[in-house]
C-alpha atoms as a PDB file:
ATOM      1  CA  MET A   1      -0.082   0.088  -0.011  1.00  0.00           C
ATOM      2  CA  LYS A   2       1.025   3.547  -0.284  1.00  0.00           C
ATOM      3  CA  GLY A   3      -0.486   7.071   0.158  1.00  0.00           C
ATOM      4  CA  THR A   4      -0.576  10.244   1.307  1.00  0.00           C
ATOM      5  CA  VAL A   5      -0.704  10.629   5.321  1.00  0.00           C
ATOM      6  CA  ILE A   6      -3.614  12.038   7.302  1.00  0.00           C
ATOM      7  CA  LYS A   7      -2.548  12.162  11.212  1.00  0.00           C
ATOM      8  CA  TYR A   8      -4.385  12.006  13.882  1.00  0.00           C
ATOM      9  CA  GLY A   9      -3.489  12.194  17.648  1.00  0.00           C
ATOM     10  CA  ASP A  10      -3.937   9.966  20.657  1.00  0.00           C
ATOM     11  CA  ASN A  11      -7.485   8.365  22.008  1.00  0.00           C
ATOM     12  CA  ILE A  12      -8.966   8.758  18.654  1.00  0.00           C
ATOM     13  CA  ASP A  13     -12.199   6.960  19.988  1.00  0.00           C
ATOM     14  CA  THR A  14     -14.877   5.506  17.666  1.00  0.00           C
ATOM     15  CA  ASP A  15     -17.448   8.151  18.481  1.00  0.00           C
ATOM     16  CA  VAL A  16     -15.222  10.502  16.361  1.00  0.00           C
ATOM     17  CA  ILE A  17     -14.336   8.121  13.808  1.00  0.00           C
ATOM     18  CA  ILE A  18     -18.286   8.133  12.967  1.00  0.00           C
ATOM     19  CA  PRO A  19     -20.716  10.176  15.236  1.00  0.00           C
ATOM     20  CA  ALA A  20     -23.199   8.100  17.071  1.00  0.00           C
ATOM     21  CA  ARG A  21     -26.378  10.184  15.310  1.00  0.00           C
ATOM     22  CA  TYR A  22     -25.251   8.933  12.045  1.00  0.00           C
ATOM     23  CA  LEU A  23     -26.191   5.281  12.949  1.00  0.00           C
ATOM     24  CA  ASN A  24     -29.265   5.025  11.931  1.00  0.00           C
ATOM     25  CA  THR A  25     -28.346   3.910   8.536  1.00  0.00           C
ATOM     26  CA  SER A  26     -26.801   0.748   7.833  1.00  0.00           C
ATOM     27  CA  ASN A  27     -25.172   2.015   3.883  1.00  0.00           C
ATOM     28  CA  ILE A  28     -21.552   2.408   4.451  1.00  0.00           C
ATOM     29  CA  GLU A  29     -21.237   4.793   1.777  1.00  0.00           C
ATOM     30  CA  GLU A  30     -23.508   7.287   4.005  1.00  0.00           C
ATOM     31  CA  LEU A  31     -21.712   6.759   7.212  1.00  0.00           C
ATOM     32  CA  ALA A  32     -18.191   7.139   5.344  1.00  0.00           C
ATOM     33  CA  ALA A  33     -19.503  10.763   4.542  1.00  0.00           C
ATOM     34  CA  HIS A  34     -19.529  11.949   8.123  1.00  0.00           C
ATOM     35  CA  CYS A  35     -16.336   9.877   8.982  1.00  0.00           C
ATOM     36  CA  MET A  36     -14.119  11.884  11.392  1.00  0.00           C
ATOM     37  CA  GLU A  37     -16.380  15.113  10.981  1.00  0.00           C
ATOM     38  CA  ASP A  38     -16.260  16.282  15.078  1.00  0.00           C
ATOM     39  CA  LEU A  39     -12.625  15.958  14.607  1.00  0.00           C
ATOM     40  CA  ASP A  40     -11.352  17.305  10.897  1.00  0.00           C
ATOM     41  CA  LYS A  41     -14.702  18.554   9.220  1.00  0.00           C
ATOM     42  CA  ASP A  42     -12.819  18.573   5.799  1.00  0.00           C
ATOM     43  CA  PHE A  43     -11.589  14.609   6.146  1.00  0.00           C
ATOM     44  CA  VAL A  44     -14.202  13.531   3.499  1.00  0.00           C
ATOM     45  CA  ASN A  45     -13.219  16.273   1.341  1.00  0.00           C
ATOM     46  CA  LYS A  46      -9.315  15.653   1.214  1.00  0.00           C
ATOM     47  CA  VAL A  47      -8.868  11.743   1.912  1.00  0.00           C
ATOM     48  CA  LYS A  48      -8.359   9.906  -1.598  1.00  0.00           C
ATOM     49  CA  PRO A  49      -8.434   6.309  -2.143  1.00  0.00           C
ATOM     50  CA  GLY A  50      -5.003   4.490  -0.591  1.00  0.00           C
ATOM     51  CA  ASP A  51      -4.120   7.212   1.876  1.00  0.00           C
ATOM     52  CA  ILE A  52      -3.217   6.118   4.891  1.00  0.00           C
ATOM     53  CA  MET A  53      -4.044   7.307   8.441  1.00  0.00           C
ATOM     54  CA  VAL A  54      -1.753   7.768  11.225  1.00  0.00           C
ATOM     55  CA  ALA A  55      -2.258   7.967  15.051  1.00  0.00           C
ATOM     56  CA  GLY A  56      -1.227   8.352  18.460  1.00  0.00           C
ATOM     57  CA  LYS A  57      -1.972   6.005  21.140  1.00  0.00           C
ATOM     58  CA  ASN A  58      -4.996   3.603  21.808  1.00  0.00           C
ATOM     59  CA  PHE A  59      -6.445   4.396  18.161  1.00  0.00           C
ATOM     60  CA  GLY A  60     -10.414   3.245  18.462  1.00  0.00           C
ATOM     61  CA  CYS A  61     -11.091   3.388  21.954  1.00  0.00           C
ATOM     62  CA  GLY A  62     -14.471   3.627  23.029  1.00  0.00           C
ATOM     63  CA  SER A  63     -17.785   1.738  22.094  1.00  0.00           C
ATOM     64  CA  SER A  64     -17.317  -1.713  20.200  1.00  0.00           C
ATOM     65  CA  ARG A  65     -19.067  -0.720  17.209  1.00  0.00           C
ATOM     66  CA  GLU A  66     -17.978  -2.406  13.930  1.00  0.00           C
ATOM     67  CA  HIS A  67     -18.706   0.897  11.974  1.00  0.00           C
ATOM     68  CA  ALA A  68     -15.898   2.426  12.789  1.00  0.00           C
ATOM     69  CA  PRO A  69     -13.144   0.511  10.741  1.00  0.00           C
ATOM     70  CA  ALA A  70     -15.776   0.075   8.017  1.00  0.00           C
ATOM     71  CA  VAL A  71     -16.148   3.812   7.808  1.00  0.00           C
ATOM     72  CA  ILE A  72     -12.324   4.429   7.458  1.00  0.00           C
ATOM     73  CA  LYS A  73     -11.933   1.746   4.935  1.00  0.00           C
ATOM     74  CA  ALA A  74     -15.129   3.020   2.849  1.00  0.00           C
ATOM     75  CA  ALA A  75     -14.064   6.537   2.963  1.00  0.00           C
ATOM     76  CA  GLY A  76     -10.503   5.474   1.012  1.00  0.00           C
ATOM     77  CA  ILE A  77      -8.004   4.643   4.263  1.00  0.00           C
ATOM     78  CA  SER A  78      -5.919   1.705   2.935  1.00  0.00           C
ATOM     79  CA  CYS A  79      -4.184   1.373   6.413  1.00  0.00           C
ATOM     80  CA  VAL A  80      -3.843   2.982   9.648  1.00  0.00           C
ATOM     81  CA  ILE A  81      -0.746   2.797  11.522  1.00  0.00           C
ATOM     82  CA  ALA A  82      -0.844   3.906  15.077  1.00  0.00           C
ATOM     83  CA  GLU A  83       1.569   3.598  18.304  1.00  0.00           C
ATOM     84  CA  THR A  84      -1.552   1.186  19.713  1.00  0.00           C
ATOM     85  CA  PHE A  85      -4.990   0.239  18.793  1.00  0.00           C
ATOM     86  CA  ALA A  86      -8.029  -0.470  21.389  1.00  0.00           C
ATOM     87  CA  ARG A  87      -8.269  -4.017  21.266  1.00  0.00           C
ATOM     88  CA  ILE A  88     -11.808  -4.360  19.807  1.00  0.00           C
ATOM     89  CA  PHE A  89     -11.107  -2.010  17.362  1.00  0.00           C
ATOM     90  CA  TYR A  90      -8.026  -4.229  16.112  1.00  0.00           C
ATOM     91  CA  ARG A  91     -10.106  -7.036  16.263  1.00  0.00           C
ATOM     92  CA  ASN A  92     -12.994  -5.444  14.157  1.00  0.00           C
ATOM     93  CA  ALA A  93     -10.584  -3.913  11.823  1.00  0.00           C
ATOM     94  CA  ILE A  94      -9.273  -7.331  11.115  1.00  0.00           C
ATOM     95  CA  ASN A  95     -12.510  -8.951  10.934  1.00  0.00           C
ATOM     96  CA  ILE A  96     -13.589  -6.439   7.583  1.00  0.00           C
ATOM     97  CA  GLY A  97     -10.116  -6.362   6.537  1.00  0.00           C
ATOM     98  CA  LEU A  98      -8.929  -2.793   7.508  1.00  0.00           C
ATOM     99  CA  PRO A  99      -5.176  -3.521   7.439  1.00  0.00           C
ATOM    100  CA  ILE A 100      -3.826  -1.752  10.627  1.00  0.00           C
ATOM    101  CA  MET A 101      -0.576  -1.671  11.696  1.00  0.00           C
ATOM    102  CA  GLU A 102       1.107  -0.941  15.165  1.00  0.00           C
ATOM    103  CA  CYS A 103       4.339   0.857  14.758  1.00  0.00           C
ATOM    104  CA  PRO A 104       5.486   3.739  17.901  1.00  0.00           C
ATOM    105  CA  GLU A 105       8.305   4.997  16.288  1.00  0.00           C
ATOM    106  CA  ALA A 106       6.354   5.398  12.585  1.00  0.00           C
ATOM    107  CA  ALA A 107       3.712   6.852  14.623  1.00  0.00           C
ATOM    108  CA  LYS A 108       5.564   9.730  16.186  1.00  0.00           C
ATOM    109  CA  ASP A 109       7.910  10.466  13.183  1.00  0.00           C
ATOM    110  CA  ILE A 110       5.534  10.374  10.351  1.00  0.00           C
ATOM    111  CA  GLU A 111       3.715  13.710   9.381  1.00  0.00           C
ATOM    112  CA  ASN A 112       0.674  14.799   7.638  1.00  0.00           C
ATOM    113  CA  GLY A 113       1.497  14.775   4.224  1.00  0.00           C
ATOM    114  CA  ASP A 114       4.334  12.507   3.879  1.00  0.00           C
ATOM    115  CA  GLN A 115       4.054   9.685   1.181  1.00  0.00           C
ATOM    116  CA  VAL A 116       4.195   6.673   2.777  1.00  0.00           C
ATOM    117  CA  SER A 117       4.387   2.588   1.786  1.00  0.00           C
ATOM    118  CA  VAL A 118       3.325   0.072   4.354  1.00  0.00           C
ATOM    119  CA  ASP A 119       4.011  -3.786   3.538  1.00  0.00           C
ATOM    120  CA  ILE A 120       1.019  -5.346   6.150  1.00  0.00           C
ATOM    121  CA  TYR A 121       2.635  -8.672   5.491  1.00  0.00           C
ATOM    122  CA  THR A 122       6.437  -7.957   6.714  1.00  0.00           C
ATOM    123  CA  GLY A 123       5.758  -5.227   8.949  1.00  0.00           C
ATOM    124  CA  VAL A 124       7.933  -2.577   6.721  1.00  0.00           C
ATOM    125  CA  ILE A 125       6.761   0.999   6.945  1.00  0.00           C
ATOM    126  CA  THR A 126       8.623   3.441   4.797  1.00  0.00           C
ATOM    127  CA  ASN A 127       8.138   6.991   4.929  1.00  0.00           C
ATOM    128  CA  ILE A 128       9.305   7.858   1.263  1.00  0.00           C
ATOM    129  CA  THR A 129       9.249  11.983   2.081  1.00  0.00           C
ATOM    130  CA  LYS A 130      11.776  11.264   4.901  1.00  0.00           C
ATOM    131  CA  GLY A 131      13.620   8.458   3.378  1.00  0.00           C
ATOM    132  CA  LYS A 132      13.119   6.400   6.497  1.00  0.00           C
ATOM    133  CA  THR A 133      12.139   3.043   7.505  1.00  0.00           C
ATOM    134  CA  TYR A 134      10.379   1.511  10.038  1.00  0.00           C
ATOM    135  CA  GLN A 135       9.625  -2.036  11.348  1.00  0.00           C
ATOM    136  CA  GLY A 136       6.197  -2.541  12.638  1.00  0.00           C
ATOM    137  CA  THR A 137       4.365  -5.641  14.273  1.00  0.00           C
ATOM    138  CA  PRO A 138       3.449  -7.682  11.214  1.00  0.00           C
ATOM    139  CA  PHE A 139       0.104  -9.752  11.278  1.00  0.00           C
ATOM    140  CA  PRO A 140      -0.035 -13.304  12.550  1.00  0.00           C
ATOM    141  CA  GLU A 141       0.012 -15.871   9.318  1.00  0.00           C
ATOM    142  CA  PHE A 142      -3.878 -16.619  10.336  1.00  0.00           C
ATOM    143  CA  MET A 143      -4.677 -12.751  10.055  1.00  0.00           C
ATOM    144  CA  GLN A 144      -3.030 -12.340   7.218  1.00  0.00           C
ATOM    145  CA  GLU A 145      -5.067 -15.232   5.273  1.00  0.00           C
ATOM    146  CA  ILE A 146      -8.116 -13.144   7.122  1.00  0.00           C
ATOM    147  CA  MET A 147      -6.814  -9.663   5.219  1.00  0.00           C
ATOM    148  CA  LYS A 148      -6.026 -11.420   1.927  1.00  0.00           C
ATOM    149  CA  ALA A 149      -9.667 -12.177   1.776  1.00  0.00           C
ATOM    150  CA  GLY A 150     -11.167  -9.029   2.561  1.00  0.00           C
ATOM    151  CA  GLY A 151     -12.040 -10.035   5.807  1.00  0.00           C
ATOM    152  CA  LEU A 152     -13.385 -12.717   8.299  1.00  0.00           C
ATOM    153  CA  VAL A 153     -16.994 -13.219   6.180  1.00  0.00           C
ATOM    154  CA  ASN A 154     -15.232 -13.510   3.073  1.00  0.00           C
ATOM    155  CA  TYR A 155     -12.410 -15.806   4.768  1.00  0.00           C
ATOM    156  CA  VAL A 156     -15.012 -17.941   6.061  1.00  0.00           C
ATOM    157  CA  LYS A 157     -16.549 -18.279   2.593  1.00  0.00           C
ATOM    158  CA  GLU A 158     -13.329 -19.006   1.004  1.00  0.00           C
ATOM    159  CA  LYS A 159     -12.425 -22.299   3.241  1.00  0.00           C
ATOM    160  CA  GLY A 160     -16.076 -23.166   3.010  1.00  0.00           C
ATOM    161  CA  GLU A 161     -16.328 -23.989   6.683  1.00  0.00           C
END
């Protein structure tokens, strides 16, 4: 994956990612139109398919709603890099096929607007703008298979189980 970074800070909770007042629809495109709006009104206008979101500690804290990683993915973000993720968000992201990567060094060093590439299978993150490489935590093999399938539902369908 390769894209432009949109960066946020610590403790980005699921209510900021997708405000609860919009959860009266299950249409993911409608929901994605409101992604991050309480924190960054211009997010949906500046995000482009393939962009990479970078954040600090405890990304995705708050409620356990699966809508949060789903709207990030639907908005066009190809990967989220953070110092740490809330555990339920981490699992929900895997389940819906949103690549995420924990790497404190990269999350601190990468800046808004940097061009970054990510290899979710090796954990290598490259800041093309700064010419720096970071080693993130790669997914275990079974999670890599889920990601390749595009999420848990697709993985189960492919396995026929």
